[in-house]
Every structure is written in structure tokens, then in C-alpha cells.
Amino acid sequence: MSVAPDTISPELRRGAFASFALHALLLCAVLIGLPLAQPPEPPPETAVDMVFQPESGPSAKAPAPAPTPAPARTATPVPARPAPSPPKPRPPEDTMPPPPPPPPPPPSPAAIRPPPTPPQPQRPSPSPTPAETLPLPPPPAPPPPAPTPAQPAPALAPKLPLPPVPAPPSPTAQPTPTANPAVSSPTLENTLERLRALARAQQHAPQARANPRPGGAPNPGGSPAADATAALSGAERGAIGEHVRPCWTSDPGAPELDRMSVLLTVTTDADGVVRHADVAAADQGRLSDPSLRAFAERAVRAVLSPDCANLPLPPRMLGKVNVLSFRFRP
């Protein structure tokens, strides 16, 4: 009775598959295990000793009886080893490539010998430091000197009378101040010279003089000051202006500097040196302007400067005090 394939139950199908798998595993185990079985060990071999009798030569004496030969030992035949059966072919297996050989271990530090270092020159051994010297004991104190016998004191000279003590100054009397030569300075000398020049100028009777014109040239005739200024020629005035110009300093940032001007009255001594300089009375009322006042102060400083005070006056004007009028313009 045949069973149709469609009527096989799943349990039977699983059992058949399991049986087939077990039989296949058993067959593989037999095929793989038989070639690996070790062949039987051969029986141990027995060694046979062979004894040979040495040949003896004929002796002069009576021949000795011939020894009876010992029965020869027969060697027992050694059974031949059975030829090993050829190994059965193994089923092809997936052979893995052999792992790469491990890298050689690095050489140990002891194996690597460093290059020999050149011998260093021997340094001179430092001189041994001297041991700390112990403080010496203090020297013994010298014995006290023997007392010397007292000598008789010399006779004292007669006392001289002391000079009389000067009487203290009365509180009302004041010491006269001594002149200190270090106090004198160019400023003090200039002040004294100015006072002397004014004293000499006051000795003459004052005369009225007219104010000079704004251009700087005074009116002809009049006071001696106007005459002194008018006595200068144009070249002499230009020489005086060039002489004073190096000492003149102006403020470039002052407003309307090109329009500023100031009239100065300058007094010179008999040597032509300026002893006094001041803003003329005609321009005194304009000094309320700060810019003009600073302009006038710079003009006065320029005339009184030690480098420019010695004016180049002509010889005819030397030997007397001169009062000149100068108008300063930038």
C-alpha cells in the first residue's frame, strides 16, 4: 500500500529528516575517524649476538686439542611489519590560510649596545675644602701693670686774669646788615641801572613833547625824545630792527596777528644799552585786549633781552641818555 506524498503528516516528515541527518553525521564520523586511527605497534625486536672464534696459529708445542665448536645460534625470523593501509581520501574541507607569522620581537635594550662614548678628560679634583677652623681660645689677659709710684704734682702756674666779658648789645641797637655778594643778579643790576638812568634824566628840566605819529616817525620839532628818534636815519632804524628781531617771538595762533602793533618807549644809557622799556602812553588804553597785551609783553622782553639790549646806535648818540620810540609790528 503506497502513501501519497500529500498525505504524509508533518510529524513523519520531521522524523525522516532527523533520521537522515543522524545517519549522515554517523557516516561522516566513520569516514573521518578511521584514517586517523593509529596502526598497531610492531612487536619488539630481539637482538642476536654473533660470536666468532679467533684463528690460532700453529704452536711449536704439542697441538692442543681442538675445541669443540659451540652450536651456532639460529636467528629467529623477525616477522615483517604489515604494510600500513593507505589513508582514505578525506572529504574536501574549507582550509583557512595559515596565519601570518608573528613579527619578530624588538631587540632587547641589552642587545643594542650604544656606541662607545669617547673618554672624557679627567677634571682636576677640587681641592679639599679646609675643615672649619675652630675658634681659637681667647689669648690670656695680660697681667695688670704694676702700680707706679705717685709722682709729686708739678707746681701750678699762677692763674692769668681772664679777659673782661664784652657787654651784651643793647636791645635797641640792631646790627647793620652786611651786603651779600651772592644776592646780586642781572635783574637787580638792571633795576639799579634803570634807577640811575631815571635819576640822571630827572636832573634835566622836563619838557613837553608831542606823541609820535602811528607810523613811528615823530612830528618834527618838540621834545628831546622825538628829536632822538628823528635823528635816526632809515638805515639806522633798519639796523636796530634787525638787531632786535632774533629776540622777538610771536604767537602764530593769535587772532589778527598781522594787524597788531604796539608803540614802545625805550630809554638807553650812555653806552646805548636799553635800561627801560614800556608801552607808550598812546597805546596804554589798548592793553585791555588780552591778545594785544601778550603781544606788547613779548615786545618789551625782546628789547630788554641781554642778547639784544645793546642797540647799534650811531656814535653821535652815545655818551648821553636817549629816549627812543619804536613801533613793533609782526
Protein backbone atom coordinates (compact mmCIF):
# COMPACT_ATOMS: atom_id res chain seq x y z
CA MET A 1 0.00 0.00 0.00
CA SER A 2 1.53 3.25 -1.07
CA VAL A 3 1.04 6.53 0.68
CA ALA A 4 0.54 9.57 -1.37
CA PRO A 5 3.06 12.36 -0.75
CA ASP A 6 0.36 14.77 0.04
CA THR A 7 -0.96 12.58 2.87
CA ILE A 8 2.38 12.49 4.85
CA SER A 9 1.92 14.23 8.14
CA PRO A 10 4.34 16.90 9.29
CA GLU A 11 5.46 14.71 12.26
CA LEU A 12 6.60 11.92 9.96
CA ARG A 13 8.34 14.35 7.69
CA ARG A 14 10.29 15.85 10.60
CA GLY A 15 11.23 12.38 11.88
CA ALA A 16 12.51 11.36 8.45
CA PHE A 17 14.63 14.45 8.20
CA ALA A 18 16.07 13.90 11.68
CA SER A 19 16.92 10.23 10.89
CA PHE A 20 18.59 11.20 7.64
CA ALA A 21 20.67 13.86 9.40
CA LEU A 22 21.81 11.42 12.13
CA HIS A 23 22.84 8.79 9.60
CA ALA A 24 24.76 11.37 7.60
CA LEU A 25 26.62 12.54 10.71
CA LEU A 26 27.47 8.97 11.67
CA LEU A 27 28.81 8.22 8.20
CA CYS A 28 30.96 11.34 8.26
CA ALA A 29 32.36 10.41 11.67
CA VAL A 30 33.32 6.95 10.42
CA LEU A 31 34.96 8.28 7.28
CA ILE A 32 36.94 10.86 9.17
CA GLY A 33 37.87 8.78 12.24
CA LEU A 34 39.16 5.61 10.52
CA PRO A 35 42.13 7.20 8.73
CA LEU A 36 43.16 8.92 11.92
CA ALA A 37 43.34 5.66 13.90
CA GLN A 38 46.89 4.71 14.82
CA PRO A 39 48.28 1.45 13.36
CA PRO A 40 49.14 -1.33 15.83
CA GLU A 41 52.65 -1.17 17.27
CA PRO A 42 55.07 -3.78 15.87
CA PRO A 43 56.43 -6.44 18.29
CA PRO A 44 59.81 -5.65 19.87
CA GLU A 45 62.87 -6.93 18.00
CA THR A 46 65.18 -9.42 19.75
CA ALA A 47 68.90 -8.91 19.09
CA VAL A 48 71.02 -11.96 18.19
CA ASP A 49 74.68 -11.96 19.30
CA MET A 50 77.18 -13.41 16.84
CA VAL A 51 80.38 -14.90 18.47
CA PHE A 52 83.39 -15.55 16.23
CA GLN A 53 86.30 -17.83 17.33
CA PRO A 54 89.74 -16.34 16.61
CA GLU A 55 92.10 -18.39 14.48
CA SER A 56 95.17 -19.55 16.42
CA GLY A 57 98.44 -20.16 14.60
CA PRO A 58 100.43 -23.43 14.84
CA SER A 59 102.41 -23.63 18.05
CA ALA A 60 105.71 -25.38 18.45
CA LYS A 61 104.41 -27.38 21.31
CA ALA A 62 102.14 -30.21 21.12
CA PRO A 63 98.97 -29.33 19.44
CA ALA A 64 96.27 -28.63 21.83
CA PRO A 65 93.10 -30.47 21.45
CA ALA A 66 90.77 -28.75 19.09
CA PRO A 67 87.93 -27.14 20.90
CA THR A 68 84.59 -28.35 20.14
CA PRO A 69 82.63 -25.77 18.20
CA ALA A 70 79.73 -24.37 20.00
CA PRO A 71 76.43 -24.89 18.37
CA ALA A 72 75.53 -21.92 16.25
CA ARG A 73 72.55 -19.95 17.33
CA THR A 74 69.88 -19.67 14.79
CA ALA A 75 68.37 -16.26 14.41
CA THR A 76 64.73 -16.19 14.96
CA PRO A 77 62.97 -14.74 11.97
CA VAL A 78 61.53 -11.31 12.66
CA PRO A 79 58.03 -11.01 11.35
CA ALA A 80 57.71 -8.36 8.72
CA ARG A 81 55.79 -5.28 9.58
CA PRO A 82 52.41 -5.12 7.98
CA ALA A 83 52.23 -2.51 5.33
CA PRO A 84 50.16 0.41 6.55
CA SER A 85 46.93 0.74 4.75
CA PRO A 86 46.78 3.77 2.52
CA PRO A 87 44.86 6.61 4.13
CA LYS A 88 41.44 7.11 2.83
CA PRO A 89 40.80 10.32 0.98
CA ARG A 90 39.39 12.93 3.26
CA PRO A 91 36.42 14.98 2.17
CA PRO A 92 37.35 18.41 0.97
CA GLU A 93 37.33 20.90 3.79
CA ASP A 94 37.48 24.61 3.76
CA THR A 95 41.09 25.22 4.56
CA MET A 96 41.84 28.52 6.14
CA PRO A 97 45.01 30.25 5.07
CA PRO A 98 47.71 29.93 7.69
CA PRO A 99 48.01 32.98 9.91
CA PRO A 100 50.87 35.29 9.05
CA PRO A 101 53.97 34.70 11.07
CA PRO A 102 54.22 36.98 14.07
CA PRO A 103 56.59 39.91 13.65
CA PRO A 104 59.99 39.37 15.15
CA PRO A 105 60.20 40.72 18.68
CA PRO A 106 62.05 44.00 19.00
CA PRO A 107 65.60 43.62 20.13
CA SER A 108 66.01 43.97 23.83
CA PRO A 109 67.77 47.09 25.12
CA ALA A 110 70.56 44.91 26.36
CA ALA A 111 71.20 43.57 22.87
CA ILE A 112 71.54 47.07 21.39
CA ARG A 113 74.85 48.32 22.53
CA PRO A 114 75.25 52.09 22.40
CA PRO A 115 78.29 53.39 20.58
CA PRO A 116 81.24 53.74 22.89
CA THR A 117 81.46 57.24 24.24
CA PRO A 118 84.83 58.92 23.94
CA PRO A 119 86.66 59.11 27.24
CA GLN A 120 86.10 62.44 28.86
CA PRO A 121 89.13 64.32 30.08
CA GLN A 122 89.59 63.95 33.73
CA ARG A 123 88.70 67.03 35.58
CA PRO A 124 91.08 68.14 38.25
CA SER A 125 89.73 67.08 41.54
CA PRO A 126 88.65 70.05 43.56
CA SER A 127 90.94 70.87 46.30
CA PRO A 128 89.58 69.61 49.56
CA THR A 129 87.80 72.30 51.39
CA PRO A 130 89.60 73.03 54.59
CA ALA A 131 87.77 71.92 57.58
CA GLU A 132 86.06 74.56 59.51
CA THR A 133 88.60 76.02 61.80
CA LEU A 134 87.52 76.03 65.30
CA PRO A 135 87.71 79.38 67.03
CA LEU A 136 90.92 79.69 68.93
CA PRO A 137 90.61 80.28 72.60
CA PRO A 138 91.00 83.91 73.54
CA PRO A 139 94.54 84.83 74.50
CA PRO A 140 95.10 85.14 78.17
CA ALA A 141 94.59 88.59 79.51
CA PRO A 142 97.86 90.38 80.15
CA PRO A 143 98.69 90.79 83.79
CA PRO A 144 97.72 94.15 85.21
CA PRO A 145 100.61 96.60 85.22
CA ALA A 146 102.30 97.15 88.46
CA PRO A 147 101.22 100.35 90.15
CA THR A 148 103.73 103.09 89.55
CA PRO A 149 104.71 105.26 92.49
CA ALA A 150 102.88 108.54 92.58
CA GLN A 151 104.98 111.39 91.34
CA PRO A 152 104.77 114.75 93.02
CA ALA A 153 102.41 117.08 91.17
CA PRO A 154 104.21 119.97 89.47
CA ALA A 155 103.65 123.36 90.86
CA LEU A 156 100.73 125.07 89.18
CA ALA A 157 101.50 128.19 87.25
CA PRO A 158 99.88 131.33 88.55
CA LYS A 159 96.47 131.86 87.03
CA LEU A 160 96.28 134.63 84.47
CA PRO A 161 93.39 137.04 84.76
CA LEU A 162 90.57 136.27 82.29
CA PRO A 163 89.76 138.91 79.69
CA PRO A 164 86.74 141.01 80.52
CA VAL A 165 83.44 139.74 79.15
CA PRO A 166 82.11 142.10 76.49
CA ALA A 167 78.89 143.80 77.42
CA PRO A 168 75.80 142.42 75.64
CA PRO A 169 74.46 144.71 72.93
CA SER A 170 71.53 146.82 73.84
CA PRO A 171 68.16 145.55 72.57
CA THR A 172 67.53 148.77 70.70
CA ALA A 173 70.75 148.56 68.69
CA GLN A 174 70.32 146.50 65.53
CA PRO A 175 73.24 145.01 63.64
CA THR A 176 73.94 146.62 60.35
CA PRO A 177 73.07 144.19 57.53
CA THR A 178 76.09 143.11 55.58
CA ALA A 179 75.85 143.14 51.88
CA ASN A 180 75.64 139.63 50.47
CA PRO A 181 77.57 139.48 47.23
CA ALA A 182 75.61 136.39 46.15
CA VAL A 183 72.35 138.35 46.06
CA SER A 184 73.44 140.46 43.13
CA SER A 185 71.94 139.25 39.91
CA PRO A 186 71.46 140.64 36.42
CA THR A 187 67.88 141.55 37.28
CA LEU A 188 68.97 143.57 40.32
CA GLU A 189 71.72 145.26 38.35
CA ASN A 190 69.26 146.15 35.61
CA THR A 191 66.92 147.67 38.18
CA LEU A 192 69.71 149.73 39.70
CA GLU A 193 70.83 150.93 36.29
CA ARG A 194 67.27 151.91 35.45
CA LEU A 195 67.02 153.92 38.67
CA ARG A 196 70.31 155.68 37.94
CA ALA A 197 69.18 156.46 34.39
CA LEU A 198 65.90 157.87 35.65
CA ALA A 199 67.76 159.96 38.23
CA ARG A 200 70.01 161.38 35.53
CA ALA A 201 67.01 162.01 33.28
CA GLN A 202 65.19 163.83 36.10
CA GLN A 203 68.11 166.20 36.52
CA HIS A 204 67.12 167.84 33.25
CA ALA A 205 64.07 170.08 33.25
CA PRO A 206 61.08 168.15 31.86
CA GLN A 207 59.88 169.42 28.54
CA ALA A 208 56.65 168.67 26.81
CA ARG A 209 56.85 166.53 23.70
CA ALA A 210 54.23 165.52 21.25
CA ASN A 211 53.25 161.88 20.75
CA PRO A 212 54.74 160.37 17.61
CA ARG A 213 52.57 159.53 14.66
CA PRO A 214 51.25 155.98 14.31
CA GLY A 215 53.86 155.30 11.63
CA GLY A 216 56.63 155.54 14.21
CA ALA A 217 58.15 158.84 12.98
CA PRO A 218 57.53 161.62 15.48
CA ASN A 219 56.49 165.07 14.49
CA PRO A 220 59.42 167.33 13.62
CA GLY A 221 60.49 169.55 16.49
CA GLY A 222 59.27 169.19 20.06
CA SER A 223 60.72 167.15 22.96
CA PRO A 224 64.22 165.67 23.07
CA ALA A 225 62.75 162.12 22.79
CA ALA A 226 61.18 162.95 19.48
CA ASP A 227 64.40 164.54 18.35
CA ALA A 228 66.37 161.41 19.34
CA THR A 229 64.08 159.19 17.30
CA ALA A 230 64.04 161.63 14.38
CA ALA A 231 67.84 161.79 14.42
CA LEU A 232 67.98 158.17 13.27
CA SER A 233 68.06 157.59 9.54
CA GLY A 234 66.11 154.87 7.81
CA ALA A 235 69.18 152.63 7.56
CA GLU A 236 69.96 153.09 11.26
CA ARG A 237 66.38 152.22 12.20
CA GLY A 238 66.56 149.14 9.99
CA ALA A 239 69.81 148.09 11.67
CA ILE A 240 68.18 148.43 15.11
CA GLY A 241 65.18 146.38 13.93
CA GLU A 242 67.42 143.60 12.55
CA HIS A 243 69.35 143.61 15.82
CA VAL A 244 66.21 143.10 17.94
CA ARG A 245 64.47 140.66 15.54
CA PRO A 246 66.24 137.44 16.79
CA CYS A 247 64.88 138.09 20.31
CA TRP A 248 61.33 138.69 19.05
CA THR A 249 58.88 135.80 19.49
CA SER A 250 55.35 135.89 18.17
CA ASP A 251 52.34 133.63 18.67
CA PRO A 252 51.29 132.31 15.23
CA GLY A 253 47.89 131.27 16.58
CA ALA A 254 46.96 134.73 17.85
CA PRO A 255 43.91 136.19 16.06
CA GLU A 256 44.63 139.07 13.63
CA LEU A 257 48.36 138.89 14.31
CA ASP A 258 49.22 140.69 11.08
CA ARG A 259 47.17 143.73 12.21
CA MET A 260 48.72 144.07 15.67
CA SER A 261 51.25 146.78 16.52
CA VAL A 262 52.44 148.43 19.71
CA LEU A 263 54.44 151.60 20.41
CA LEU A 264 57.26 151.27 22.97
CA THR A 265 59.23 153.98 24.75
CA VAL A 266 62.83 152.80 25.17
CA THR A 267 65.46 154.51 27.35
CA THR A 268 69.15 153.79 26.70
CA ASP A 269 72.19 154.74 28.75
CA ALA A 270 75.35 156.48 27.54
CA ASP A 271 76.63 153.17 26.09
CA GLY A 272 73.49 152.54 24.04
CA VAL A 273 72.20 149.74 26.30
CA VAL A 274 68.44 149.62 26.91
CA ARG A 275 67.70 150.25 30.58
CA HIS A 276 63.96 150.76 30.46
CA ALA A 277 61.17 149.83 28.06
CA ASP A 278 57.44 150.29 28.43
CA VAL A 279 54.31 150.69 26.35
CA ALA A 280 53.87 154.28 25.25
CA ALA A 281 51.05 156.34 26.75
CA ALA A 282 49.31 156.42 23.36
CA ASP A 283 48.77 152.62 23.48
CA GLN A 284 48.13 152.19 27.21
CA GLY A 285 44.38 152.24 26.68
CA ARG A 286 44.56 149.33 24.22
CA LEU A 287 46.08 146.89 26.72
CA SER A 288 42.62 145.76 27.84
CA ASP A 289 42.74 143.32 24.90
CA PRO A 290 44.46 140.12 26.17
CA SER A 291 45.96 139.34 22.76
CA LEU A 292 47.43 142.84 22.41
CA ARG A 293 48.72 142.75 25.98
CA ALA A 294 50.58 139.48 25.32
CA PHE A 295 51.91 141.00 22.08
CA ALA A 296 53.21 144.06 23.97
CA GLU A 297 54.84 141.94 26.71
CA ARG A 298 56.75 139.92 24.10
CA ALA A 299 57.95 143.19 22.51
CA VAL A 300 59.21 144.53 25.87
CA ARG A 301 61.01 141.22 26.59
CA ALA A 302 62.68 141.36 23.18
CA VAL A 303 64.10 144.87 23.78
CA LEU A 304 65.28 144.06 27.33
CA SER A 305 66.81 140.71 26.36
CA PRO A 306 70.55 140.60 27.24
CA ASP A 307 71.31 139.45 23.69
CA CYS A 308 69.52 142.42 22.07
CA ALA A 309 69.62 145.23 24.69
CA ASN A 310 72.87 146.71 23.32
CA LEU A 311 71.39 148.72 20.43
CA PRO A 312 73.62 149.65 17.46
CA LEU A 313 73.27 153.42 17.93
CA PRO A 314 75.41 155.75 15.85
CA PRO A 315 78.45 157.26 17.64
CA ARG A 316 76.89 160.74 17.68
CA MET A 317 74.13 159.46 20.01
CA LEU A 318 76.44 157.78 22.53
CA GLY A 319 77.60 159.43 25.75
CA LYS A 320 74.13 160.54 26.79
CA VAL A 321 70.74 159.11 27.72
CA ASN A 322 68.44 158.65 24.76
CA VAL A 323 64.70 158.12 24.77
CA LEU A 324 63.53 156.40 21.61
CA SER A 325 60.11 155.35 20.35
CA PHE A 326 59.73 152.08 18.42
CA ARG A 327 56.60 150.62 16.91
CA PHE A 328 56.66 146.85 16.77
CA ARG A 329 54.79 145.03 14.02
CA PRO A 330 54.87 141.30 13.13
